[in-house]
Amino acid sequence: MKSKHTNIRSRSGDSLIGLLVATLIFSFIGVSMMALVSLNTIESYKINARTDNISSAKVALDKIGRLIRMARSIGDVQGATRPTSNPFSDIPNGPSTDTFAVHGSTITVSQVSSGTACNTSAAFPSVGDPYYGPNGTLNGTIASWPWGGSPNNPYRLSGDTCVLQVPTFDANGFPNCVQNAQTLAALDTYVFKVVRDNSRPGPTRWFQLQMAVFPAPNGLSNKPSTLSPGSPVTILSGLVGPLDGNQNPAVFQYINSSTNTATTNFDPATPQGALNEQDLVLFSGVVANLQILSNSQSASQKASLTSLRSEMYLRNNASAAIMGPSPN
């Protein structure tokens, strides 16, 4: 009787080393995929932050540009309208005792108010401002002057401060004129100021761009109803620059239509220098430079810096039409 033998087939399987190699390969692939996802997430945060920066900056530049195009002058300009027969005749320059004014001549506020003299200043309000100056009729209507300013501590044109004066119009589109023995144009004055934003943590120095309006007298203002006189509103946050050599904001520059140059400061101590304030009437536009920094909310906190620059011009630089070129 033959015995039966059972043959057991051997099953070939992976060795332990092979299993470890496969595990390592899949681990590398998984790590690579996670790194790729992480990089894509970081780039997505940066792109979103940059998009937010550009959107915020464009909104701010649109607000500034709209007022610049409507403005008739940069700085504080008040005074007589030149006679059409001889527009360069017998119009004196500057209010009295105003260190920021043209030539520092001895013109009184009453002369400016009556329309027999002109006032041009790179500071608002100037001593000769008939409404908001120290002897003006409206300085007491501002409950709290913003940014530590006052009629005796004016806001001065510089890299962090821009002053624009916008004429107002009636319902029929005709320009308003202040009556009651005064022949001055009705003007809304807008002041833009770059201020420190201490609500954001350091070591980065953060800034905000704010705006305040000082309306024309006698209810002749065209300011938006949502704005209270002298109350600042923030139109842009997240500013970090640009900064000048002294680490102060250098956001605004002023375009001289005669020399085709842009100036940041007006220095009354150097009347014959490059920063010649007596030529303020020749400044016909503003350059705005904005550097905005945004941090993503991811764990990596990657920052996105966006820089924008815009040149904006007054459609009618009426201060030049009123004042004319200053004599040398």
Protein backbone atom coordinates (compact mmCIF):
# COMPACT_ATOMS: atom_id res chain seq x y z
CA MET A 1 0.00 0.00 0.00
CA LYS A 2 1.52 3.29 -1.11
CA SER A 3 1.73 6.11 1.38
CA LYS A 4 0.46 9.50 0.40
CA HIS A 5 2.71 12.58 0.72
CA THR A 6 1.27 16.04 1.06
CA ASN A 7 3.33 18.72 -0.66
CA ILE A 8 3.17 22.11 1.07
CA ARG A 9 3.69 24.94 -1.40
CA SER A 10 5.94 27.66 -0.13
CA ARG A 11 4.59 31.21 -0.40
CA SER A 12 7.11 33.80 -1.29
CA GLY A 13 6.67 37.00 0.89
CA ASP A 14 8.37 40.34 1.48
CA SER A 15 11.24 40.36 3.82
CA LEU A 16 11.42 42.67 6.80
CA ILE A 17 14.05 44.77 5.07
CA GLY A 18 11.82 45.23 2.04
CA LEU A 19 8.98 46.29 4.25
CA LEU A 20 11.18 48.90 5.95
CA VAL A 21 12.35 50.23 2.60
CA ALA A 22 8.78 50.58 1.35
CA THR A 23 7.78 52.31 4.58
CA LEU A 24 10.65 54.79 4.23
CA ILE A 25 9.76 55.54 0.62
CA PHE A 26 6.12 56.22 1.49
CA SER A 27 7.24 58.33 4.47
CA PHE A 28 9.43 60.47 2.23
CA ILE A 29 6.57 60.89 -0.21
CA GLY A 30 4.21 61.84 2.64
CA VAL A 31 6.67 64.38 4.07
CA SER A 32 7.21 65.88 0.61
CA MET A 33 3.49 66.18 0.07
CA MET A 34 3.02 67.84 3.48
CA ALA A 35 5.87 70.26 2.74
CA LEU A 36 4.30 71.12 -0.60
CA VAL A 37 0.91 71.69 1.03
CA SER A 38 2.55 73.85 3.72
CA LEU A 39 4.40 75.96 1.13
CA ASN A 40 1.22 76.40 -0.88
CA THR A 41 -0.62 77.47 2.27
CA ILE A 42 2.08 80.03 3.15
CA GLU A 43 2.10 81.43 -0.38
CA SER A 44 -1.69 81.60 -0.29
CA TYR A 45 -1.53 83.66 2.92
CA LYS A 46 1.07 85.97 1.37
CA ILE A 47 -0.97 86.44 -1.81
CA ASN A 48 -4.12 87.14 0.21
CA ALA A 49 -2.23 89.62 2.41
CA ARG A 50 -0.77 91.36 -0.63
CA THR A 51 -4.20 91.55 -2.22
CA ASP A 52 -5.60 93.11 0.96
CA ASN A 53 -2.67 95.57 1.04
CA ILE A 54 -3.25 96.68 -2.54
CA SER A 55 -7.00 96.99 -2.04
CA SER A 56 -6.61 99.09 1.14
CA ALA A 57 -3.94 101.30 -0.41
CA LYS A 58 -5.98 101.91 -3.57
CA VAL A 59 -9.01 102.94 -1.51
CA ALA A 60 -6.85 105.40 0.46
CA LEU A 61 -5.19 106.77 -2.69
CA ASP A 62 -8.57 107.19 -4.35
CA LYS A 63 -9.80 109.29 -1.40
CA ILE A 64 -6.67 111.43 -1.40
CA GLY A 65 -6.60 111.76 -5.18
CA ARG A 66 -10.24 112.82 -5.40
CA LEU A 67 -9.62 115.69 -2.97
CA ILE A 68 -6.36 116.70 -4.67
CA ARG A 69 -8.08 116.94 -8.05
CA MET A 70 -10.85 119.04 -6.46
CA ALA A 71 -8.44 121.27 -4.51
CA ARG A 72 -7.45 124.73 -5.59
CA SER A 73 -4.34 124.96 -3.39
CA ILE A 74 -1.82 123.10 -1.26
CA GLY A 75 -1.27 124.66 2.17
CA ASP A 76 -3.24 127.57 3.63
CA VAL A 77 -4.13 130.11 0.92
CA GLN A 78 -6.54 132.98 1.57
CA GLY A 79 -6.91 136.38 0.05
CA ALA A 80 -8.05 138.61 -2.77
CA THR A 81 -8.92 137.53 -6.27
CA ARG A 82 -6.69 139.36 -8.70
CA PRO A 83 -8.42 141.94 -10.90
CA THR A 84 -8.91 140.61 -14.40
CA SER A 85 -7.64 143.82 -15.98
CA ASN A 86 -4.20 143.55 -14.38
CA PRO A 87 -3.87 140.28 -12.45
CA PHE A 88 -0.30 140.99 -11.29
CA SER A 89 -0.86 144.46 -9.88
CA ASP A 90 -0.57 145.63 -6.30
CA ILE A 91 -1.29 142.38 -4.45
CA PRO A 92 0.95 142.08 -1.36
CA ASN A 93 2.10 138.75 0.00
CA GLY A 94 1.72 137.06 3.38
CA PRO A 95 0.01 137.71 6.71
CA SER A 96 1.72 139.60 9.49
CA THR A 97 4.12 137.96 11.97
CA ASP A 98 3.67 134.57 10.29
CA THR A 99 7.02 132.79 10.25
CA PHE A 100 5.59 130.28 7.77
CA ALA A 101 4.39 132.92 5.30
CA VAL A 102 5.67 134.48 2.10
CA HIS A 103 8.33 137.10 2.82
CA GLY A 104 7.05 137.68 6.40
CA SER A 105 5.39 140.92 5.38
CA THR A 106 3.25 143.06 7.66
CA ILE A 107 -0.23 142.24 6.46
CA THR A 108 -3.04 142.05 8.99
CA VAL A 109 -5.80 139.48 9.23
CA SER A 110 -8.34 142.21 8.49
CA GLN A 111 -6.59 142.91 5.18
CA VAL A 112 -6.80 139.24 4.27
CA SER A 113 -10.45 139.12 5.35
CA SER A 114 -11.40 142.21 3.38
CA GLY A 115 -9.80 140.86 0.25
CA THR A 116 -7.12 143.53 -0.07
CA ALA A 117 -4.20 141.20 0.67
CA CYS A 118 -3.19 137.58 0.15
CA ASN A 119 -2.00 134.92 2.56
CA THR A 120 0.07 131.93 1.50
CA SER A 121 1.43 129.53 4.07
CA ALA A 122 2.76 125.98 4.25
CA ALA A 123 1.19 125.69 7.70
CA PHE A 124 -2.49 125.40 8.58
CA PRO A 125 -3.90 127.41 10.19
CA SER A 126 -1.56 130.29 9.46
CA VAL A 127 -1.46 133.43 11.55
CA GLY A 128 -3.32 135.23 8.78
CA ASP A 129 -6.09 132.66 8.36
CA PRO A 130 -9.27 134.71 8.93
CA TYR A 131 -11.25 131.65 10.08
CA TYR A 132 -9.03 129.16 11.88
CA GLY A 133 -5.98 131.28 12.70
CA PRO A 134 -5.27 132.62 16.23
CA ASN A 135 -7.44 135.66 15.49
CA GLY A 136 -9.91 133.80 13.29
CA THR A 137 -13.64 133.58 13.73
CA LEU A 138 -13.93 129.78 13.71
CA ASN A 139 -11.03 128.43 15.77
CA GLY A 140 -13.30 128.15 18.80
CA THR A 141 -15.75 125.95 16.89
CA ILE A 142 -13.32 122.99 16.88
CA ALA A 143 -13.98 121.15 20.13
CA SER A 144 -10.68 119.26 20.10
CA TRP A 145 -7.91 119.88 17.59
CA PRO A 146 -6.46 116.55 16.43
CA TRP A 147 -2.86 115.34 16.69
CA GLY A 148 -1.93 117.97 19.29
CA GLY A 149 -2.47 120.87 16.90
CA SER A 150 -4.06 124.25 17.57
CA PRO A 151 -4.28 127.70 15.98
CA ASN A 152 -0.96 128.42 17.69
CA ASN A 153 0.54 125.02 16.82
CA PRO A 154 -0.38 124.56 13.15
CA TYR A 155 -0.04 121.52 10.93
CA ARG A 156 2.88 121.95 8.57
CA LEU A 157 3.36 120.51 5.09
CA SER A 158 5.89 117.71 5.33
CA GLY A 159 6.43 114.07 4.55
CA ASP A 160 3.80 113.07 7.12
CA THR A 161 1.34 115.97 6.69
CA CYS A 162 -0.61 117.18 3.66
CA VAL A 163 -2.99 120.16 3.64
CA LEU A 164 -5.50 120.73 0.83
CA GLN A 165 -8.07 123.48 0.37
CA VAL A 166 -11.15 122.60 -1.67
CA PRO A 167 -13.60 125.28 -2.89
CA THR A 168 -17.27 124.70 -2.12
CA PHE A 169 -20.22 125.04 -4.50
CA ASP A 170 -23.92 125.72 -4.18
CA ALA A 171 -26.74 123.49 -5.43
CA ASN A 172 -26.47 125.00 -8.91
CA GLY A 173 -22.73 124.35 -9.17
CA PHE A 174 -21.59 127.93 -8.61
CA PRO A 175 -18.67 128.55 -6.20
CA ASN A 176 -19.62 129.86 -2.77
CA CYS A 177 -18.30 133.16 -1.46
CA VAL A 178 -18.22 134.18 2.19
CA GLN A 179 -20.35 137.30 2.59
CA ASN A 180 -20.74 139.75 5.52
CA ALA A 181 -18.19 142.25 4.22
CA GLN A 182 -15.78 139.44 3.31
CA THR A 183 -15.04 138.59 -0.29
CA LEU A 184 -13.14 135.35 0.24
CA ALA A 185 -13.90 132.05 -1.44
CA ALA A 186 -15.52 129.44 0.78
CA LEU A 187 -13.05 126.61 1.33
CA ASP A 188 -13.10 123.23 3.06
CA THR A 189 -9.62 122.43 4.38
CA TYR A 190 -8.57 118.78 4.58
CA VAL A 191 -5.53 117.73 6.60
CA PHE A 192 -3.94 114.29 6.13
CA LYS A 193 -1.63 113.15 8.92
CA VAL A 194 0.52 110.03 9.42
CA VAL A 195 0.46 109.07 13.12
CA ARG A 196 1.98 106.24 15.17
CA ASP A 197 -0.21 103.17 15.70
CA ASN A 198 0.66 101.97 19.18
CA SER A 199 -2.04 99.29 19.14
CA ARG A 200 0.20 97.02 17.06
CA PRO A 201 3.10 95.16 18.69
CA GLY A 202 6.76 95.92 18.02
CA PRO A 203 9.52 95.86 17.06
CA THR A 204 8.03 97.12 13.77
CA ARG A 205 7.01 100.79 13.91
CA TRP A 206 3.42 100.92 12.65
CA PHE A 207 1.57 104.00 11.42
CA GLN A 208 -1.94 105.06 10.42
CA LEU A 209 -2.99 107.60 7.81
CA GLN A 210 -5.74 109.82 9.19
CA MET A 211 -7.79 112.72 7.81
CA ALA A 212 -9.63 115.66 9.40
CA VAL A 213 -11.73 118.38 7.79
CA PHE A 214 -12.07 122.03 8.79
CA PRO A 215 -15.23 123.23 7.02
CA ALA A 216 -16.01 126.54 5.38
CA PRO A 217 -17.94 129.07 7.51
CA ASN A 218 -21.60 130.06 7.45
CA GLY A 219 -22.89 126.64 6.46
CA LEU A 220 -21.16 126.83 3.07
CA SER A 221 -19.29 123.57 3.50
CA ASN A 222 -19.54 120.61 1.13
CA LYS A 223 -17.97 118.17 3.61
CA PRO A 224 -19.63 114.74 3.97
CA SER A 225 -22.27 114.73 6.68
CA THR A 226 -20.54 111.79 8.37
CA LEU A 227 -17.44 113.88 9.14
CA SER A 228 -17.35 116.05 12.25
CA PRO A 229 -15.20 119.21 12.11
CA GLY A 230 -11.71 118.51 13.40
CA SER A 231 -12.41 114.85 14.22
CA PRO A 232 -9.82 112.54 12.62
CA VAL A 233 -10.83 109.40 10.77
CA THR A 234 -8.43 106.59 9.86
CA ILE A 235 -8.32 105.87 6.15
CA LEU A 236 -5.38 103.43 6.12
CA SER A 237 -3.71 101.16 8.68
CA GLY A 238 -0.63 98.95 8.48
CA LEU A 239 1.74 101.66 7.21
CA VAL A 240 5.43 101.08 7.89
CA GLY A 241 7.00 103.57 5.49
CA PRO A 242 8.66 104.92 3.58
CA LEU A 243 10.87 106.62 6.19
CA ASP A 244 13.35 109.45 5.76
CA GLY A 245 16.89 109.60 7.12
CA ASN A 246 15.56 110.49 10.57
CA GLN A 247 13.18 107.51 10.55
CA ASN A 248 10.15 109.77 10.17
CA PRO A 249 7.35 108.96 7.69
CA ALA A 250 7.98 110.35 4.20
CA VAL A 251 4.62 109.60 2.60
CA PHE A 252 3.96 112.95 0.87
CA GLN A 253 5.99 114.95 -1.62
CA TYR A 254 4.93 118.14 -3.41
CA ILE A 255 5.45 118.74 -7.13
CA ASN A 256 6.90 122.07 -8.25
CA SER A 257 5.48 122.80 -11.69
CA SER A 258 8.32 125.22 -12.45
CA THR A 259 11.32 123.00 -11.66
CA ASN A 260 9.55 119.65 -12.20
CA THR A 261 10.87 118.41 -8.87
CA ALA A 262 9.21 116.92 -5.79
CA THR A 263 9.82 118.39 -2.32
CA THR A 264 9.06 116.84 1.07
CA ASN A 265 9.61 119.78 3.44
CA PHE A 266 9.26 123.55 3.34
CA ASP A 267 11.91 125.23 5.44
CA PRO A 268 11.22 128.92 6.22
CA ALA A 269 14.80 129.30 7.49
CA THR A 270 16.17 128.87 3.95
CA PRO A 271 13.95 131.10 1.78
CA GLN A 272 16.43 131.00 -1.11
CA GLY A 273 17.16 127.27 -0.88
CA ALA A 274 15.72 124.27 -2.67
CA LEU A 275 12.83 124.12 -0.19
CA ASN A 276 11.62 127.62 -0.96
CA GLU A 277 8.31 128.29 0.72
CA GLN A 278 7.70 131.52 -1.14
CA ASP A 279 7.23 129.36 -4.23
CA LEU A 280 4.42 127.38 -2.60
CA VAL A 281 2.03 128.75 -5.21
CA LEU A 282 3.96 126.83 -7.85
CA PHE A 283 3.24 123.47 -6.25
CA SER A 284 0.57 121.83 -8.33
CA GLY A 285 0.52 118.19 -7.28
CA VAL A 286 1.21 115.61 -4.61
CA VAL A 287 3.17 112.37 -4.74
CA ALA A 288 1.94 109.74 -2.26
CA ASN A 289 4.22 106.83 -1.38
CA LEU A 290 2.77 103.99 0.70
CA GLN A 291 4.47 100.94 2.18
CA ILE A 292 2.06 98.53 3.87
CA LEU A 293 3.01 95.45 5.88
CA SER A 294 0.58 92.64 6.64
CA ASN A 295 1.21 89.49 8.69
CA SER A 296 -0.64 86.28 7.93
CA GLN A 297 -2.40 84.50 10.74
CA SER A 298 -0.59 81.24 10.06
CA ALA A 299 1.90 79.75 12.49
CA SER A 300 4.79 80.91 10.34
CA GLN A 301 3.62 84.57 10.46
CA LYS A 302 5.06 85.35 7.04
CA ALA A 303 4.92 89.08 6.33
CA SER A 304 3.94 90.67 3.04
CA LEU A 305 5.24 94.16 2.17
CA THR A 306 3.48 96.14 -0.55
CA SER A 307 4.68 99.46 -1.99
CA LEU A 308 2.48 101.80 -4.03
CA ARG A 309 3.20 105.23 -5.49
CA SER A 310 0.82 107.70 -7.09
CA GLU A 311 1.22 111.19 -8.58
CA MET A 312 -1.91 113.36 -8.31
CA TYR A 313 -2.37 116.87 -9.69
CA LEU A 314 -4.65 119.78 -8.93
CA ARG A 315 -6.97 120.39 -11.86
CA ASN A 316 -6.81 124.12 -11.19
CA ASN A 317 -4.02 125.45 -9.01
CA ALA A 318 -5.95 128.57 -8.07
CA SER A 319 -3.30 129.71 -5.60
CA ALA A 320 -1.01 130.43 -8.56
CA ALA A 321 -3.86 132.31 -10.26
CA ILE A 322 -4.50 134.30 -7.09
CA MET A 323 -0.97 134.90 -5.92
CA GLY A 324 1.14 134.74 -9.05
CA PRO A 325 4.86 133.93 -8.92
CA SER A 326 6.51 135.43 -5.87
CA PRO A 327 9.05 138.18 -6.56
CA ASN A 328 12.73 137.36 -5.98
